[in-house]
Amino acid sequence: MSIIINHGTLLFTPEGGQQTSVSSNEAATELNVSYGLVASYGASPDTFVPGDTILYTAVIQNTGTGTLQDPVISADMGDGALVCVGDSVTAFLACGGSITEVPVAVCTGCPTTFSLSCDVPAGGVIVLSHNATVAATDENSITACIDVSANEYQCETTCTASAEATITRSVLSLVKSAPGCADVGETVDYTFTMTNNGSEAVTLDQLTDQLPVNFTCSGVCLTVGGSEETLTPNTDYTVSDENLFTLNPARSISIPANGCAVLTLSGTFTA
């Protein structure tokens, strides 16, 4: 809390005299200032396979009536399972209808720290985003934690808050590839690689792809573990009038643990 002291000054001119002044007494008001800090931490996407890049977003809000200074975010990046991409860090302060970018000093390591050079007024919100890559790990989930601290304005104490974000291993990952360029009428391939990252086999139930309207599909090939699976048009897969491709095998097709399946759609483009 702080004491606000105030007084007034009166100017007056007596009849036939000179202007003079008189001061009032000092009035003191004890001002109660509160400090509060809340934080949240989110990850997108919330599933991973090693090598993926995850976008993390920290939101910090000053819930008190006093100003907070120079917040610091200390991030435990999953005990080393995540590596912060230093040049991906951005931070913004939203307050009173305005948004301004905030300078951030980043110190990567365990933990990774983000030091922000700014004051956060009452009601102000800091949004800090950064990317992190997933290192090789056998863990099925990774939890990143943040601890946030900020100095109370002209006080010797600090406000603190914490939050966490958990991502889980994706059992099956899907990657689509296509040629960078192609000529009209040239046969091209769309390739889907499905990788089973789990310790048990998974059943391939369905795969859909909205093909470009000027792409004519002429061939479909599915391999599992390097062996080709026979697919029958209109039984195992269909292509609708709107060019929606749907793979829905009539028989059970499984992808073994740590194995992969590759689906190739061949076709041509018209102009």
Protein backbone atom coordinates (compact mmCIF):
# COMPACT_ATOMS: atom_id res chain seq x y z
CA MET A 1 0.00 0.00 0.00
CA SER A 2 1.01 3.68 -0.36
CA ILE A 3 0.04 7.07 1.07
CA ILE A 4 -1.27 9.75 -1.28
CA ILE A 5 -0.85 13.29 0.17
CA ASN A 6 -2.62 16.28 -1.35
CA HIS A 7 -3.34 19.94 -0.55
CA GLY A 8 -4.92 22.89 -2.32
CA THR A 9 -3.94 26.51 -2.84
CA LEU A 10 -6.41 29.41 -2.91
CA LEU A 11 -5.74 32.79 -4.53
CA PHE A 12 -7.89 35.72 -3.42
CA THR A 13 -7.85 39.55 -3.58
CA PRO A 14 -9.27 41.57 -0.66
CA GLU A 15 -11.20 44.69 -1.57
CA GLY A 16 -8.68 47.46 -2.01
CA GLY A 17 -5.83 45.06 -1.36
CA GLN A 18 -3.38 42.84 -3.22
CA GLN A 19 -3.87 39.31 -4.38
CA THR A 20 -2.61 36.77 -1.92
CA SER A 21 -2.75 33.02 -1.42
CA VAL A 22 -3.53 30.57 1.31
CA SER A 23 -2.85 26.82 1.41
CA SER A 24 -5.13 24.20 2.83
CA ASN A 25 -4.07 21.48 5.19
CA GLU A 26 -2.64 18.27 3.74
CA ALA A 27 -5.10 15.41 3.27
CA ALA A 28 -3.72 11.87 3.33
CA THR A 29 -5.29 8.89 1.58
CA GLU A 30 -4.07 5.37 2.15
CA LEU A 31 -4.15 3.62 -1.23
CA ASN A 32 -4.48 -0.15 -1.18
CA VAL A 33 -2.62 -1.68 -4.14
CA SER A 34 -3.01 -5.38 -4.88
CA TYR A 35 -0.75 -7.56 -6.98
CA GLY A 36 -1.81 -10.70 -8.81
CA LEU A 37 -0.45 -12.88 -11.59
CA VAL A 38 -1.98 -15.83 -13.43
CA ALA A 39 -0.47 -17.90 -16.26
CA SER A 40 -1.47 -20.53 -18.79
CA TYR A 41 0.62 -22.63 -21.18
CA GLY A 42 -0.58 -24.40 -24.30
CA ALA A 43 0.87 -26.61 -27.05
CA SER A 44 -0.20 -27.04 -30.67
CA PRO A 45 -0.47 -29.71 -31.85
CA ASP A 46 -0.87 -31.70 -28.65
CA THR A 47 0.40 -34.93 -30.21
CA PHE A 48 3.95 -35.65 -31.35
CA VAL A 49 6.47 -37.98 -32.86
CA PRO A 50 10.22 -37.35 -32.37
CA GLY A 51 11.44 -34.62 -34.70
CA ASP A 52 8.16 -32.70 -34.71
CA THR A 53 8.01 -28.95 -34.08
CA ILE A 54 5.49 -27.86 -31.45
CA LEU A 55 4.20 -24.30 -30.97
CA TYR A 56 4.02 -23.31 -27.30
CA THR A 57 2.11 -20.25 -26.10
CA ALA A 58 2.33 -18.70 -22.63
CA VAL A 59 -0.33 -16.21 -21.53
CA ILE A 60 0.40 -14.06 -18.46
CA GLN A 61 -2.16 -11.69 -16.96
CA ASN A 62 -1.78 -9.04 -14.27
CA THR A 63 -4.92 -9.55 -12.18
CA GLY A 64 -4.05 -6.96 -9.53
CA THR A 65 -4.40 -3.21 -9.33
CA GLY A 66 -0.68 -2.49 -9.26
CA THR A 67 1.91 -2.50 -12.02
CA LEU A 68 4.24 -5.49 -12.42
CA GLN A 69 7.76 -5.09 -13.78
CA ASP A 70 10.06 -7.21 -15.97
CA PRO A 71 8.36 -10.63 -15.93
CA VAL A 72 10.55 -13.71 -16.31
CA ILE A 73 9.33 -17.07 -17.63
CA SER A 74 11.36 -20.12 -16.67
CA ALA A 75 10.42 -23.15 -18.79
CA ASP A 76 11.26 -26.74 -17.93
CA MET A 77 11.24 -28.19 -21.45
CA GLY A 78 10.17 -31.71 -20.55
CA ASP A 79 13.43 -32.57 -18.78
CA GLY A 80 15.34 -32.13 -22.03
CA ALA A 81 12.82 -33.86 -24.30
CA LEU A 82 12.12 -30.49 -25.98
CA VAL A 83 14.57 -28.03 -27.49
CA CYS A 84 13.46 -24.40 -27.75
CA VAL A 85 14.00 -22.76 -31.15
CA GLY A 86 15.58 -19.52 -29.97
CA ASP A 87 14.82 -17.35 -33.01
CA SER A 88 11.14 -18.29 -32.96
CA VAL A 89 10.34 -16.37 -29.76
CA THR A 90 7.87 -13.47 -29.91
CA ALA A 91 6.09 -11.58 -27.14
CA PHE A 92 3.35 -8.94 -27.11
CA LEU A 93 1.69 -6.85 -24.41
CA ALA A 94 -2.04 -6.17 -24.70
CA CYS A 95 -3.38 -3.39 -22.51
CA GLY A 96 -6.08 -0.75 -22.83
CA GLY A 97 -6.95 -1.71 -26.39
CA SER A 98 -3.36 -1.47 -27.68
CA ILE A 99 -0.88 -4.22 -28.55
CA THR A 100 2.87 -3.65 -28.48
CA GLU A 101 5.78 -5.99 -29.10
CA VAL A 102 7.97 -6.70 -26.07
CA PRO A 103 11.75 -7.30 -26.20
CA VAL A 104 12.70 -10.78 -24.97
CA ALA A 105 16.09 -12.08 -23.88
CA VAL A 106 16.25 -15.86 -24.32
CA CYS A 107 18.63 -18.18 -22.48
CA THR A 108 18.24 -21.70 -23.84
CA GLY A 109 19.08 -24.75 -21.77
CA CYS A 110 17.50 -26.52 -18.81
CA PRO A 111 15.52 -24.55 -17.90
CA THR A 112 15.00 -22.13 -20.76
CA THR A 113 14.36 -18.58 -19.55
CA PHE A 114 12.55 -15.73 -21.26
CA SER A 115 13.25 -12.31 -19.72
CA LEU A 116 10.84 -9.57 -20.82
CA SER A 117 11.75 -5.91 -20.54
CA CYS A 118 8.46 -4.17 -19.84
CA ASP A 119 5.96 -2.99 -17.25
CA VAL A 120 2.64 -4.83 -17.13
CA PRO A 121 -0.15 -2.47 -15.96
CA ALA A 122 -3.19 -3.70 -14.10
CA GLY A 123 -5.25 -5.87 -16.45
CA GLY A 124 -2.38 -6.17 -18.92
CA VAL A 125 -1.76 -9.46 -20.72
CA ILE A 126 1.54 -10.81 -22.08
CA VAL A 127 1.40 -13.42 -24.85
CA LEU A 128 4.70 -15.20 -25.52
CA SER A 129 5.07 -17.84 -28.24
CA HIS A 130 7.97 -20.10 -29.19
CA ASN A 131 8.64 -23.27 -31.13
CA ALA A 132 10.27 -26.37 -29.68
CA THR A 133 11.49 -29.50 -31.44
CA VAL A 134 10.91 -32.93 -29.94
CA ALA A 135 14.12 -34.84 -29.32
CA ALA A 136 14.40 -38.62 -29.65
CA THR A 137 12.51 -40.11 -26.72
CA ASP A 138 10.69 -43.27 -25.73
CA GLU A 139 8.24 -41.34 -23.56
CA ASN A 140 4.55 -41.52 -24.43
CA SER A 141 3.92 -38.02 -23.06
CA ILE A 142 6.00 -34.89 -22.47
CA THR A 143 5.05 -32.21 -19.97
CA ALA A 144 6.58 -28.74 -20.22
CA CYS A 145 6.21 -26.50 -17.15
CA ILE A 146 6.61 -22.76 -16.76
CA ASP A 147 7.23 -20.71 -13.63
CA VAL A 148 6.53 -16.99 -13.99
CA SER A 149 7.74 -14.20 -11.73
CA ALA A 150 7.39 -10.42 -11.89
CA ASN A 151 8.53 -7.64 -9.58
CA GLU A 152 5.90 -5.68 -7.74
CA TYR A 153 6.31 -2.02 -8.70
CA GLN A 154 8.56 -0.21 -6.17
CA CYS A 155 8.26 -3.15 -3.78
CA GLU A 156 10.82 -5.69 -2.67
CA THR A 157 8.58 -8.71 -3.25
CA THR A 158 7.52 -10.56 -6.40
CA CYS A 159 4.42 -12.22 -7.82
CA THR A 160 4.63 -15.78 -9.08
CA ALA A 161 2.48 -18.17 -11.14
CA SER A 162 2.93 -21.51 -12.87
CA ALA A 163 1.33 -23.61 -15.61
CA GLU A 164 2.06 -26.68 -17.72
CA ALA A 165 1.30 -28.17 -21.14
CA THR A 166 1.35 -31.88 -21.97
CA ILE A 167 1.71 -33.47 -25.39
CA THR A 168 1.19 -37.19 -26.07
CA ARG A 169 2.89 -39.45 -28.56
CA SER A 170 0.92 -40.04 -31.74
CA VAL A 171 0.47 -43.77 -32.28
CA LEU A 172 0.15 -43.33 -36.04
CA SER A 173 1.69 -40.49 -38.00
CA LEU A 174 0.66 -39.50 -41.52
CA VAL A 175 2.85 -37.64 -44.01
CA LYS A 176 1.72 -36.66 -47.52
CA SER A 177 4.19 -35.91 -50.29
CA ALA A 178 3.83 -34.69 -53.87
CA PRO A 179 6.17 -33.53 -56.64
CA GLY A 180 7.17 -29.89 -56.47
CA CYS A 181 6.13 -29.32 -60.09
CA ALA A 182 4.48 -31.27 -62.89
CA ASP A 183 3.48 -30.82 -66.52
CA VAL A 184 -0.11 -31.01 -67.66
CA GLY A 185 -0.82 -34.60 -68.70
CA GLU A 186 2.23 -35.97 -66.89
CA THR A 187 1.64 -38.87 -64.47
CA VAL A 188 2.28 -37.76 -60.91
CA ASP A 189 2.02 -39.49 -57.53
CA TYR A 190 0.50 -38.41 -54.25
CA THR A 191 2.12 -40.52 -51.52
CA PHE A 192 0.86 -41.06 -47.97
CA THR A 193 3.29 -42.59 -45.50
CA MET A 194 1.66 -44.02 -42.37
CA THR A 195 4.09 -44.88 -39.56
CA ASN A 196 3.11 -46.89 -36.50
CA ASN A 197 5.06 -45.39 -33.59
CA GLY A 198 3.48 -47.67 -31.01
CA SER A 199 4.37 -51.07 -29.56
CA GLU A 200 1.26 -52.80 -30.94
CA ALA A 201 -0.21 -53.28 -34.40
CA VAL A 202 -2.92 -50.85 -35.55
CA THR A 203 -5.75 -51.45 -38.02
CA LEU A 204 -6.04 -49.19 -41.05
CA ASP A 205 -9.71 -48.21 -41.02
CA GLN A 206 -10.06 -45.31 -43.44
CA LEU A 207 -8.12 -42.59 -45.26
CA THR A 208 -9.71 -39.73 -47.18
CA ASP A 209 -8.27 -37.04 -49.43
CA GLN A 210 -10.07 -34.27 -51.27
CA LEU A 211 -8.20 -34.43 -54.56
CA PRO A 212 -7.85 -31.33 -56.76
CA VAL A 213 -10.72 -30.95 -59.22
CA ASN A 214 -8.30 -31.08 -62.18
CA PHE A 215 -6.61 -34.29 -60.99
CA THR A 216 -7.72 -37.59 -62.50
CA CYS A 217 -6.80 -40.60 -60.39
CA SER A 218 -5.69 -43.54 -62.52
CA GLY A 219 -4.06 -45.91 -60.03
CA VAL A 220 -3.99 -46.79 -56.33
CA CYS A 221 -1.27 -48.83 -54.63
CA LEU A 222 -0.94 -49.77 -50.95
CA THR A 223 2.10 -51.46 -49.43
CA VAL A 224 2.50 -52.57 -45.82
CA GLY A 225 5.98 -53.39 -44.66
CA GLY A 226 7.09 -53.39 -48.30
CA SER A 227 4.49 -55.94 -49.41
CA GLU A 228 1.70 -54.84 -51.73
CA GLU A 229 -1.92 -55.21 -50.63
CA THR A 230 -4.43 -55.84 -53.43
CA LEU A 231 -7.08 -53.12 -53.59
CA THR A 232 -10.30 -53.36 -55.60
CA PRO A 233 -11.99 -50.20 -56.94
CA ASN A 234 -15.44 -49.48 -55.44
CA THR A 235 -14.80 -52.19 -52.83
CA ASP A 236 -11.65 -51.07 -51.03
CA TYR A 237 -11.63 -47.48 -52.28
CA THR A 238 -13.82 -44.99 -54.13
CA VAL A 239 -13.42 -41.64 -55.91
CA SER A 240 -16.63 -39.58 -55.78
CA ASP A 241 -17.98 -37.22 -58.44
CA GLU A 242 -16.57 -34.39 -56.31
CA ASN A 243 -13.12 -36.07 -56.49
CA LEU A 244 -13.11 -37.18 -52.85
CA PHE A 245 -10.88 -40.23 -52.50
CA THR A 246 -11.83 -42.68 -49.74
CA LEU A 247 -9.81 -45.75 -48.76
CA ASN A 248 -11.99 -48.08 -46.71
CA PRO A 249 -10.58 -51.61 -47.00
CA ALA A 250 -13.18 -54.36 -47.06
CA ARG A 251 -10.81 -56.66 -45.17
CA SER A 252 -8.69 -55.96 -42.12
CA ILE A 253 -5.31 -54.43 -42.93
CA SER A 254 -2.95 -53.86 -40.00
CA ILE A 255 0.28 -51.90 -39.68
CA PRO A 256 2.72 -53.70 -37.36
CA ALA A 257 4.42 -52.06 -34.40
CA ASN A 258 7.19 -49.74 -35.58
CA GLY A 259 6.16 -50.53 -39.16
CA CYS A 260 4.79 -48.37 -41.94
CA ALA A 261 2.33 -48.46 -44.81
CA VAL A 262 2.56 -46.43 -48.02
CA LEU A 263 -0.45 -45.45 -50.13
CA THR A 264 0.25 -44.05 -53.60
CA LEU A 265 -2.36 -42.29 -55.74
CA SER A 266 -1.25 -41.94 -59.35
CA GLY A 267 -2.91 -39.63 -61.83
CA THR A 268 -2.66 -36.69 -64.21
CA PHE A 269 -3.50 -32.99 -64.12
CA THR A 270 -5.52 -31.13 -66.72
CA ALA A 271 -5.05 -27.43 -67.34
